[in-house]
Amino acid sequence: MTGMTKHIGRHKGTGQRLSVVFMRLPEDKDHALVVYSDQLPDKYHDDFMTAIESPECQSANVLYEGLQRKVFWHGNPMLDTLHKEGFLKKVPTSAVVMQPTPQQQVALDDILAQMDKIESEAPTPVEGNVETNSGERVQEQVNQSLGEDNKAIAQNLLQQAVLLEKEAEKKREEAVKYDPSLTEKAMQPAKRGRGRPKGTTKEAIAAKSEATTTSESVSSEA
C-alpha cells in the first residue's frame, strides 16, 4: 500500500499485520475486533484488502461501516463471512498499534483517548438546533410528497368512477332494449347528489326503448 491508509496496523506483541474492524467494542471498551489479514485464505485476502482501500472504507470512521456494503467474490456479505468463518478476533486495545503509513505508528489507546477528549469537549445540543430544523424540513418534504401522491390517487379514482358510470349507463340501455319491462328497475342505481348522468333518467331510457321498438317494427314491415 502507498500513502496513508486508514484502519490498518500491527499487533504490538507479535508484529502481525491486522485491520481494525471495531476500534472499541460497545460492551467491552478495553477490546477491539480485528482481522489478521495475513491469516486470510487467498480466496478472501485480495478482496478484503481491496475493500479496505476503497473510497467507502477509507471515508468511514470505523471499518465495519464500509465492510457492511462489501461482498466477497462469491457474493456473500464480507462482514458476515468474516464473522461466520472465525476471522474476526477480539484483542485488547492496548495490544494494537495503528500504522497509517509504513513510517508512522500510533497506539490505538492514544487514538481512543483523543476521541474521548474531543467528544467530552463537544457542545451540548440545544433545542431548535440545525439537526432539529433539518428533521422538520425533511418531514415537510415527506408530507408534501404524500400530498401529491394522494392527489394523483384521487384523480385516478375519479377517472375510474367516470368510466364505471358510463359503462353502467350502457348496460342499463342494453338491458331495457332486451326487456322494456326493466325500465323502472334500471332507474334504481345508487342515489346521486346532483341528479343522474345524462341519458339515464326514466324518461330518457323510455324514449330510447320506444325508439328502438319503433325502429325494429319499421324494419320488420319492410
C-alpha atoms as a PDB file:
ATOM      1  CA  MET A   1       0.000   0.000   0.000  1.00  0.00           C
ATOM      2  CA  THR A   2       1.213   3.521  -0.678  1.00  0.00           C
ATOM      3  CA  GLY A   3       0.377   6.797   1.044  1.00  0.00           C
ATOM      4  CA  MET A   4      -1.847   6.922   4.126  1.00  0.00           C
ATOM      5  CA  THR A   5      -4.335   4.109   4.648  1.00  0.00           C
ATOM      6  CA  LYS A   6      -6.832   4.016   7.482  1.00  0.00           C
ATOM      7  CA  HIS A   7      -7.812   1.014   9.608  1.00  0.00           C
ATOM      8  CA  ILE A   8      -4.567  -0.977   9.290  1.00  0.00           C
ATOM      9  CA  GLY A   9      -1.914  -1.666  11.912  1.00  0.00           C
ATOM     10  CA  ARG A  10       0.054  -4.340  13.753  1.00  0.00           C
ATOM     11  CA  HIS A  11      -0.135  -6.370  16.921  1.00  0.00           C
ATOM     12  CA  LYS A  12       2.208  -4.763  19.425  1.00  0.00           C
ATOM     13  CA  GLY A  13       3.496  -8.063  20.752  1.00  0.00           C
ATOM     14  CA  THR A  14       3.779 -10.269  17.663  1.00  0.00           C
ATOM     15  CA  GLY A  15       4.116  -7.692  14.901  1.00  0.00           C
ATOM     16  CA  GLN A  16       1.373  -9.397  12.885  1.00  0.00           C
ATOM     17  CA  ARG A  17      -0.411  -7.183  10.392  1.00  0.00           C
ATOM     18  CA  LEU A  18      -4.065  -6.569  11.147  1.00  0.00           C
ATOM     19  CA  SER A  19      -7.061  -4.469  10.173  1.00  0.00           C
ATOM     20  CA  VAL A  20      -9.190  -2.923  12.890  1.00  0.00           C
ATOM     21  CA  VAL A  21     -12.871  -3.564  12.182  1.00  0.00           C
ATOM     22  CA  PHE A  22     -14.149  -2.212  15.541  1.00  0.00           C
ATOM     23  CA  MET A  23     -11.777   0.107  17.391  1.00  0.00           C
ATOM     24  CA  ARG A  24     -13.661  -0.482  20.613  1.00  0.00           C
ATOM     25  CA  LEU A  25     -16.472  -2.904  21.419  1.00  0.00           C
ATOM     26  CA  PRO A  26     -19.572  -1.242  22.906  1.00  0.00           C
ATOM     27  CA  GLU A  27     -19.941  -3.894  25.604  1.00  0.00           C
ATOM     28  CA  ASP A  28     -16.182  -4.177  26.261  1.00  0.00           C
ATOM     29  CA  LYS A  29     -14.376  -0.889  25.718  1.00  0.00           C
ATOM     30  CA  ASP A  30     -10.956  -2.378  26.510  1.00  0.00           C
ATOM     31  CA  HIS A  31     -11.075  -4.677  23.482  1.00  0.00           C
ATOM     32  CA  ALA A  32     -11.152  -4.207  19.717  1.00  0.00           C
ATOM     33  CA  LEU A  33     -12.230  -6.508  16.913  1.00  0.00           C
ATOM     34  CA  VAL A  34      -9.598  -7.114  14.235  1.00  0.00           C
ATOM     35  CA  VAL A  35      -8.821  -9.273  11.217  1.00  0.00           C
ATOM     36  CA  TYR A  36      -5.295 -10.668  10.805  1.00  0.00           C
ATOM     37  CA  SER A  37      -5.026 -10.116   7.075  1.00  0.00           C
ATOM     38  CA  ASP A  38      -2.065 -12.469   6.615  1.00  0.00           C
ATOM     39  CA  GLN A  39      -4.151 -15.310   8.056  1.00  0.00           C
ATOM     40  CA  LEU A  40      -6.911 -14.929   5.482  1.00  0.00           C
ATOM     41  CA  PRO A  41      -7.105 -17.587   2.753  1.00  0.00           C
ATOM     42  CA  ASP A  42      -6.072 -16.410  -0.688  1.00  0.00           C
ATOM     43  CA  LYS A  43      -9.700 -16.565  -1.822  1.00  0.00           C
ATOM     44  CA  TYR A  44     -10.538 -13.804   0.706  1.00  0.00           C
ATOM     45  CA  HIS A  45      -7.300 -11.873   1.131  1.00  0.00           C
ATOM     46  CA  ASP A  46      -7.250  -9.857  -2.085  1.00  0.00           C
ATOM     47  CA  ASP A  47     -10.947  -8.948  -1.931  1.00  0.00           C
ATOM     48  CA  PHE A  48     -10.552  -7.865   1.692  1.00  0.00           C
ATOM     49  CA  MET A  49      -7.534  -5.640   1.061  1.00  0.00           C
ATOM     50  CA  THR A  50      -9.210  -4.117  -1.990  1.00  0.00           C
ATOM     51  CA  ALA A  51     -12.251  -3.321   0.141  1.00  0.00           C
ATOM     52  CA  ILE A  52     -10.129  -1.593   2.787  1.00  0.00           C
ATOM     53  CA  GLU A  53      -8.521   0.642   0.159  1.00  0.00           C
ATOM     54  CA  SER A  54     -11.901   1.502  -1.408  1.00  0.00           C
ATOM     55  CA  PRO A  55     -13.363   5.019  -1.038  1.00  0.00           C
ATOM     56  CA  GLU A  56     -16.252   3.623   1.031  1.00  0.00           C
ATOM     57  CA  CYS A  57     -13.961   2.151   3.690  1.00  0.00           C
ATOM     58  CA  GLN A  58     -11.410   4.954   3.647  1.00  0.00           C
ATOM     59  CA  SER A  59     -14.138   7.561   4.183  1.00  0.00           C
ATOM     60  CA  ALA A  60     -15.677   5.546   7.039  1.00  0.00           C
ATOM     61  CA  ASN A  61     -14.702   6.442  10.602  1.00  0.00           C
ATOM     62  CA  VAL A  62     -14.889   2.758  11.556  1.00  0.00           C
ATOM     63  CA  LEU A  63     -14.027  -0.041   9.132  1.00  0.00           C
ATOM     64  CA  TYR A  64     -17.163  -2.101   9.772  1.00  0.00           C
ATOM     65  CA  GLU A  65     -19.293   0.721   8.327  1.00  0.00           C
ATOM     66  CA  GLY A  66     -17.617   0.280   4.944  1.00  0.00           C
ATOM     67  CA  LEU A  67     -17.440  -3.511   5.081  1.00  0.00           C
ATOM     68  CA  GLN A  68     -21.219  -3.706   5.534  1.00  0.00           C
ATOM     69  CA  ARG A  69     -21.554  -2.666   1.884  1.00  0.00           C
ATOM     70  CA  LYS A  70     -18.882  -5.044   0.558  1.00  0.00           C
ATOM     71  CA  VAL A  71     -19.105  -8.641  -0.675  1.00  0.00           C
ATOM     72  CA  PHE A  72     -16.575 -11.366  -1.418  1.00  0.00           C
ATOM     73  CA  TRP A  73     -16.114 -12.975  -4.827  1.00  0.00           C
ATOM     74  CA  HIS A  74     -18.924 -15.460  -4.140  1.00  0.00           C
ATOM     75  CA  GLY A  75     -21.406 -12.649  -3.487  1.00  0.00           C
ATOM     76  CA  ASN A  76     -21.758 -13.138   0.279  1.00  0.00           C
ATOM     77  CA  PRO A  77     -21.536 -10.081   2.569  1.00  0.00           C
ATOM     78  CA  MET A  78     -17.939  -9.536   3.617  1.00  0.00           C
ATOM     79  CA  LEU A  79     -18.595  -8.706   7.265  1.00  0.00           C
ATOM     80  CA  ASP A  80     -20.921 -11.685   7.770  1.00  0.00           C
ATOM     81  CA  THR A  81     -18.446 -14.055   6.124  1.00  0.00           C
ATOM     82  CA  LEU A  82     -15.560 -12.883   8.304  1.00  0.00           C
ATOM     83  CA  HIS A  83     -17.706 -13.411  11.386  1.00  0.00           C
ATOM     84  CA  LYS A  84     -19.129 -16.812  10.453  1.00  0.00           C
ATOM     85  CA  GLU A  85     -15.745 -18.229   9.433  1.00  0.00           C
ATOM     86  CA  GLY A  86     -13.999 -17.020  12.594  1.00  0.00           C
ATOM     87  CA  PHE A  87     -11.694 -14.382  11.131  1.00  0.00           C
ATOM     88  CA  LEU A  88     -12.862 -11.614  13.473  1.00  0.00           C
ATOM     89  CA  LYS A  89     -10.591 -11.687  16.515  1.00  0.00           C
ATOM     90  CA  LYS A  90     -11.078  -9.938  19.846  1.00  0.00           C
ATOM     91  CA  VAL A  91      -7.862  -8.353  21.146  1.00  0.00           C
ATOM     92  CA  PRO A  92      -7.043  -5.769  23.852  1.00  0.00           C
ATOM     93  CA  THR A  93      -6.923  -2.229  22.514  1.00  0.00           C
ATOM     94  CA  SER A  94      -3.585  -1.837  24.299  1.00  0.00           C
ATOM     95  CA  ALA A  95      -2.121  -4.510  22.008  1.00  0.00           C
ATOM     96  CA  VAL A  96      -2.947  -2.670  18.778  1.00  0.00           C
ATOM     97  CA  VAL A  97      -0.715  -0.153  17.035  1.00  0.00           C
ATOM     98  CA  MET A  98      -2.213   1.680  14.066  1.00  0.00           C
ATOM     99  CA  GLN A  99       0.073   2.176  11.077  1.00  0.00           C
ATOM    100  CA  PRO A 100      -1.438   4.590   8.537  1.00  0.00           C
ATOM    101  CA  THR A 101       1.928   4.789   6.775  1.00  0.00           C
ATOM    102  CA  PRO A 102       4.970   2.468   6.915  1.00  0.00           C
ATOM    103  CA  GLN A 103       6.863   5.109   8.907  1.00  0.00           C
ATOM    104  CA  GLN A 104       4.070   6.202  11.262  1.00  0.00           C
ATOM    105  CA  GLN A 105       2.807   4.223  14.242  1.00  0.00           C
ATOM    106  CA  VAL A 106       0.186   5.346  16.772  1.00  0.00           C
ATOM    107  CA  ALA A 107      -1.146   3.301  19.671  1.00  0.00           C
ATOM    108  CA  LEU A 108      -4.857   2.609  19.359  1.00  0.00           C
ATOM    109  CA  ASP A 109      -5.335   3.575  23.015  1.00  0.00           C
ATOM    110  CA  ASP A 110      -3.909   7.034  22.257  1.00  0.00           C
ATOM    111  CA  ILE A 111      -6.366   7.485  19.398  1.00  0.00           C
ATOM    112  CA  LEU A 112      -9.300   6.396  21.562  1.00  0.00           C
ATOM    113  CA  ALA A 113      -8.233   8.739  24.361  1.00  0.00           C
ATOM    114  CA  GLN A 114      -8.101  11.649  21.912  1.00  0.00           C
ATOM    115  CA  MET A 115     -11.531  10.743  20.562  1.00  0.00           C
ATOM    116  CA  ASP A 116     -12.950  10.643  24.099  1.00  0.00           C
ATOM    117  CA  LYS A 117     -11.455  14.082  24.820  1.00  0.00           C
ATOM    118  CA  ILE A 118     -12.978  15.591  21.691  1.00  0.00           C
ATOM    119  CA  GLU A 119     -16.352  14.070  22.477  1.00  0.00           C
ATOM    120  CA  SER A 120     -16.312  15.343  26.071  1.00  0.00           C
ATOM    121  CA  GLU A 121     -15.494  18.884  24.913  1.00  0.00           C
ATOM    122  CA  ALA A 122     -18.207  18.943  22.250  1.00  0.00           C
ATOM    123  CA  PRO A 123     -21.014  21.465  22.966  1.00  0.00           C
ATOM    124  CA  THR A 124     -24.306  20.064  24.216  1.00  0.00           C
ATOM    125  CA  PRO A 125     -27.034  20.230  21.540  1.00  0.00           C
ATOM    126  CA  VAL A 126     -29.830  22.717  22.304  1.00  0.00           C
ATOM    127  CA  GLU A 127     -33.451  22.741  21.256  1.00  0.00           C
ATOM    128  CA  GLY A 128     -34.091  24.204  17.854  1.00  0.00           C
ATOM    129  CA  ASN A 129     -30.623  23.333  16.595  1.00  0.00           C
ATOM    130  CA  VAL A 130     -29.717  22.623  12.996  1.00  0.00           C
ATOM    131  CA  GLU A 131     -30.418  18.904  13.308  1.00  0.00           C
ATOM    132  CA  THR A 132     -33.927  19.545  14.615  1.00  0.00           C
ATOM    133  CA  ASN A 133     -34.640  22.086  11.881  1.00  0.00           C
ATOM    134  CA  SER A 134     -33.297  19.692   9.271  1.00  0.00           C
ATOM    135  CA  GLY A 135     -35.581  16.994  10.609  1.00  0.00           C
ATOM    136  CA  GLU A 136     -38.562  19.322  10.373  1.00  0.00           C
ATOM    137  CA  ARG A 137     -37.675  20.217   6.785  1.00  0.00           C
ATOM    138  CA  VAL A 138     -37.414  16.550   5.870  1.00  0.00           C
ATOM    139  CA  GLN A 139     -40.830  15.895   7.438  1.00  0.00           C
ATOM    140  CA  GLU A 140     -42.312  18.791   5.463  1.00  0.00           C
ATOM    141  CA  GLN A 141     -40.916  17.345   2.248  1.00  0.00           C
ATOM    142  CA  VAL A 142     -42.337  13.937   3.133  1.00  0.00           C
ATOM    143  CA  ASN A 143     -45.755  15.438   3.850  1.00  0.00           C
ATOM    144  CA  GLN A 144     -45.671  17.368   0.586  1.00  0.00           C
ATOM    145  CA  SER A 145     -44.742  14.244  -1.317  1.00  0.00           C
ATOM    146  CA  LEU A 146     -47.563  12.313   0.357  1.00  0.00           C
ATOM    147  CA  GLY A 147     -49.990  15.101  -0.512  1.00  0.00           C
ATOM    148  CA  GLU A 148     -49.008  14.948  -4.169  1.00  0.00           C
ATOM    149  CA  ASP A 149     -49.385  11.169  -4.150  1.00  0.00           C
ATOM    150  CA  ASN A 150     -52.849  11.485  -2.616  1.00  0.00           C
ATOM    151  CA  LYS A 151     -53.894  13.926  -5.331  1.00  0.00           C
ATOM    152  CA  ALA A 152     -52.731  11.540  -8.022  1.00  0.00           C
ATOM    153  CA  ILE A 153     -54.627   8.678  -6.377  1.00  0.00           C
ATOM    154  CA  ALA A 154     -57.769  10.819  -6.177  1.00  0.00           C
ATOM    155  CA  GLN A 155     -57.509  11.718  -9.869  1.00  0.00           C
ATOM    156  CA  ASN A 156     -57.150   8.063 -10.830  1.00  0.00           C
ATOM    157  CA  LEU A 157     -60.137   7.080  -8.699  1.00  0.00           C
ATOM    158  CA  LEU A 158     -62.228   9.854 -10.217  1.00  0.00           C
ATOM    159  CA  GLN A 159     -61.353   8.726 -13.732  1.00  0.00           C
ATOM    160  CA  GLN A 160     -62.271   5.159 -12.827  1.00  0.00           C
ATOM    161  CA  ALA A 161     -65.598   6.346 -11.381  1.00  0.00           C
ATOM    162  CA  VAL A 162     -66.458   8.232 -14.584  1.00  0.00           C
ATOM    163  CA  LEU A 163     -65.645   5.189 -16.692  1.00  0.00           C
ATOM    164  CA  LEU A 164     -67.764   2.972 -14.441  1.00  0.00           C
ATOM    165  CA  GLU A 165     -70.694   5.380 -14.700  1.00  0.00           C
ATOM    166  CA  LYS A 166     -70.513   5.356 -18.483  1.00  0.00           C
ATOM    167  CA  GLU A 167     -70.284   1.574 -18.519  1.00  0.00           C
ATOM    168  CA  ALA A 168     -73.280   1.323 -16.170  1.00  0.00           C
ATOM    169  CA  GLU A 169     -75.314   3.641 -18.386  1.00  0.00           C
ATOM    170  CA  LYS A 170     -74.521   1.468 -21.401  1.00  0.00           C
ATOM    171  CA  LYS A 171     -75.523  -1.709 -19.548  1.00  0.00           C
ATOM    172  CA  ARG A 172     -78.849  -0.193 -18.460  1.00  0.00           C
ATOM    173  CA  GLU A 173     -79.681   0.777 -22.014  1.00  0.00           C
ATOM    174  CA  GLU A 174     -78.868  -2.716 -23.252  1.00  0.00           C
ATOM    175  CA  ALA A 175     -80.991  -4.309 -20.536  1.00  0.00           C
ATOM    176  CA  VAL A 176     -84.021  -2.152 -21.357  1.00  0.00           C
ATOM    177  CA  LYS A 177     -83.535  -2.843 -25.065  1.00  0.00           C
ATOM    178  CA  TYR A 178     -83.885  -6.583 -24.485  1.00  0.00           C
ATOM    179  CA  ASP A 179     -86.649  -6.245 -21.887  1.00  0.00           C
ATOM    180  CA  PRO A 180     -88.524  -2.886 -21.752  1.00  0.00           C
ATOM    181  CA  SER A 181     -90.261  -4.017 -18.559  1.00  0.00           C
ATOM    182  CA  LEU A 182     -86.935  -3.432 -16.720  1.00  0.00           C
ATOM    183  CA  THR A 183     -87.137   0.320 -17.344  1.00  0.00           C
ATOM    184  CA  GLU A 184     -88.286   1.073 -13.794  1.00  0.00           C
ATOM    185  CA  LYS A 185     -85.712  -1.218 -12.212  1.00  0.00           C
ATOM    186  CA  ALA A 186     -82.942   0.187 -14.383  1.00  0.00           C
ATOM    187  CA  MET A 187     -83.630   3.549 -12.795  1.00  0.00           C
ATOM    188  CA  GLN A 188     -82.548   2.412  -9.281  1.00  0.00           C
ATOM    189  CA  PRO A 189     -78.754   2.887  -9.114  1.00  0.00           C
ATOM    190  CA  ALA A 190     -77.090   4.444  -6.089  1.00  0.00           C
ATOM    191  CA  LYS A 191     -78.503   7.893  -5.311  1.00  0.00           C
ATOM    192  CA  ARG A 192     -76.518  10.865  -6.602  1.00  0.00           C
ATOM    193  CA  GLY A 193     -76.373  14.310  -5.109  1.00  0.00           C
ATOM    194  CA  ARG A 194     -76.939  16.265  -8.319  1.00  0.00           C
ATOM    195  CA  GLY A 195     -79.177  14.120 -10.499  1.00  0.00           C
ATOM    196  CA  ARG A 196     -78.392  11.205 -12.755  1.00  0.00           C
ATOM    197  CA  PRO A 197     -75.903  11.114 -15.604  1.00  0.00           C
ATOM    198  CA  LYS A 198     -77.211  12.242 -18.942  1.00  0.00           C
ATOM    199  CA  GLY A 199     -79.289   9.580 -20.642  1.00  0.00           C
ATOM    200  CA  THR A 200     -80.067   7.525 -17.516  1.00  0.00           C
ATOM    201  CA  THR A 201     -83.333   9.215 -16.423  1.00  0.00           C
ATOM    202  CA  LYS A 202     -86.550   7.246 -16.648  1.00  0.00           C
ATOM    203  CA  GLU A 203     -87.815   9.394 -19.497  1.00  0.00           C
ATOM    204  CA  ALA A 204     -84.553   9.094 -21.445  1.00  0.00           C
ATOM    205  CA  ILE A 205     -84.441   5.314 -21.167  1.00  0.00           C
ATOM    206  CA  ALA A 206     -88.132   5.010 -22.021  1.00  0.00           C
ATOM    207  CA  ALA A 207     -87.624   7.223 -25.067  1.00  0.00           C
ATOM    208  CA  LYS A 208     -84.634   5.163 -26.191  1.00  0.00           C
ATOM    209  CA  SER A 209     -86.631   1.963 -25.681  1.00  0.00           C
ATOM    210  CA  GLU A 210     -89.588   3.323 -27.693  1.00  0.00           C
ATOM    211  CA  ALA A 211     -87.267   4.486 -30.452  1.00  0.00           C
ATOM    212  CA  THR A 212     -85.608   1.069 -30.573  1.00  0.00           C
ATOM    213  CA  THR A 213     -89.009  -0.722 -30.697  1.00  0.00           C
ATOM    214  CA  THR A 214     -90.288   1.590 -33.448  1.00  0.00           C
ATOM    215  CA  SER A 215     -87.117   1.058 -35.434  1.00  0.00           C
ATOM    216  CA  GLU A 216     -87.425  -2.714 -35.142  1.00  0.00           C
ATOM    217  CA  SER A 217     -91.158  -2.547 -36.197  1.00  0.00           C
ATOM    218  CA  VAL A 218     -90.320  -0.496 -39.283  1.00  0.00           C
ATOM    219  CA  SER A 219     -87.575  -2.929 -40.176  1.00  0.00           C
ATOM    220  CA  SER A 220     -89.985  -5.920 -39.881  1.00  0.00           C
ATOM    221  CA  GLU A 221     -92.650  -4.210 -42.030  1.00  0.00           C
ATOM    222  CA  ALA A 222     -90.106  -3.510 -44.689  1.00  0.00           C
END
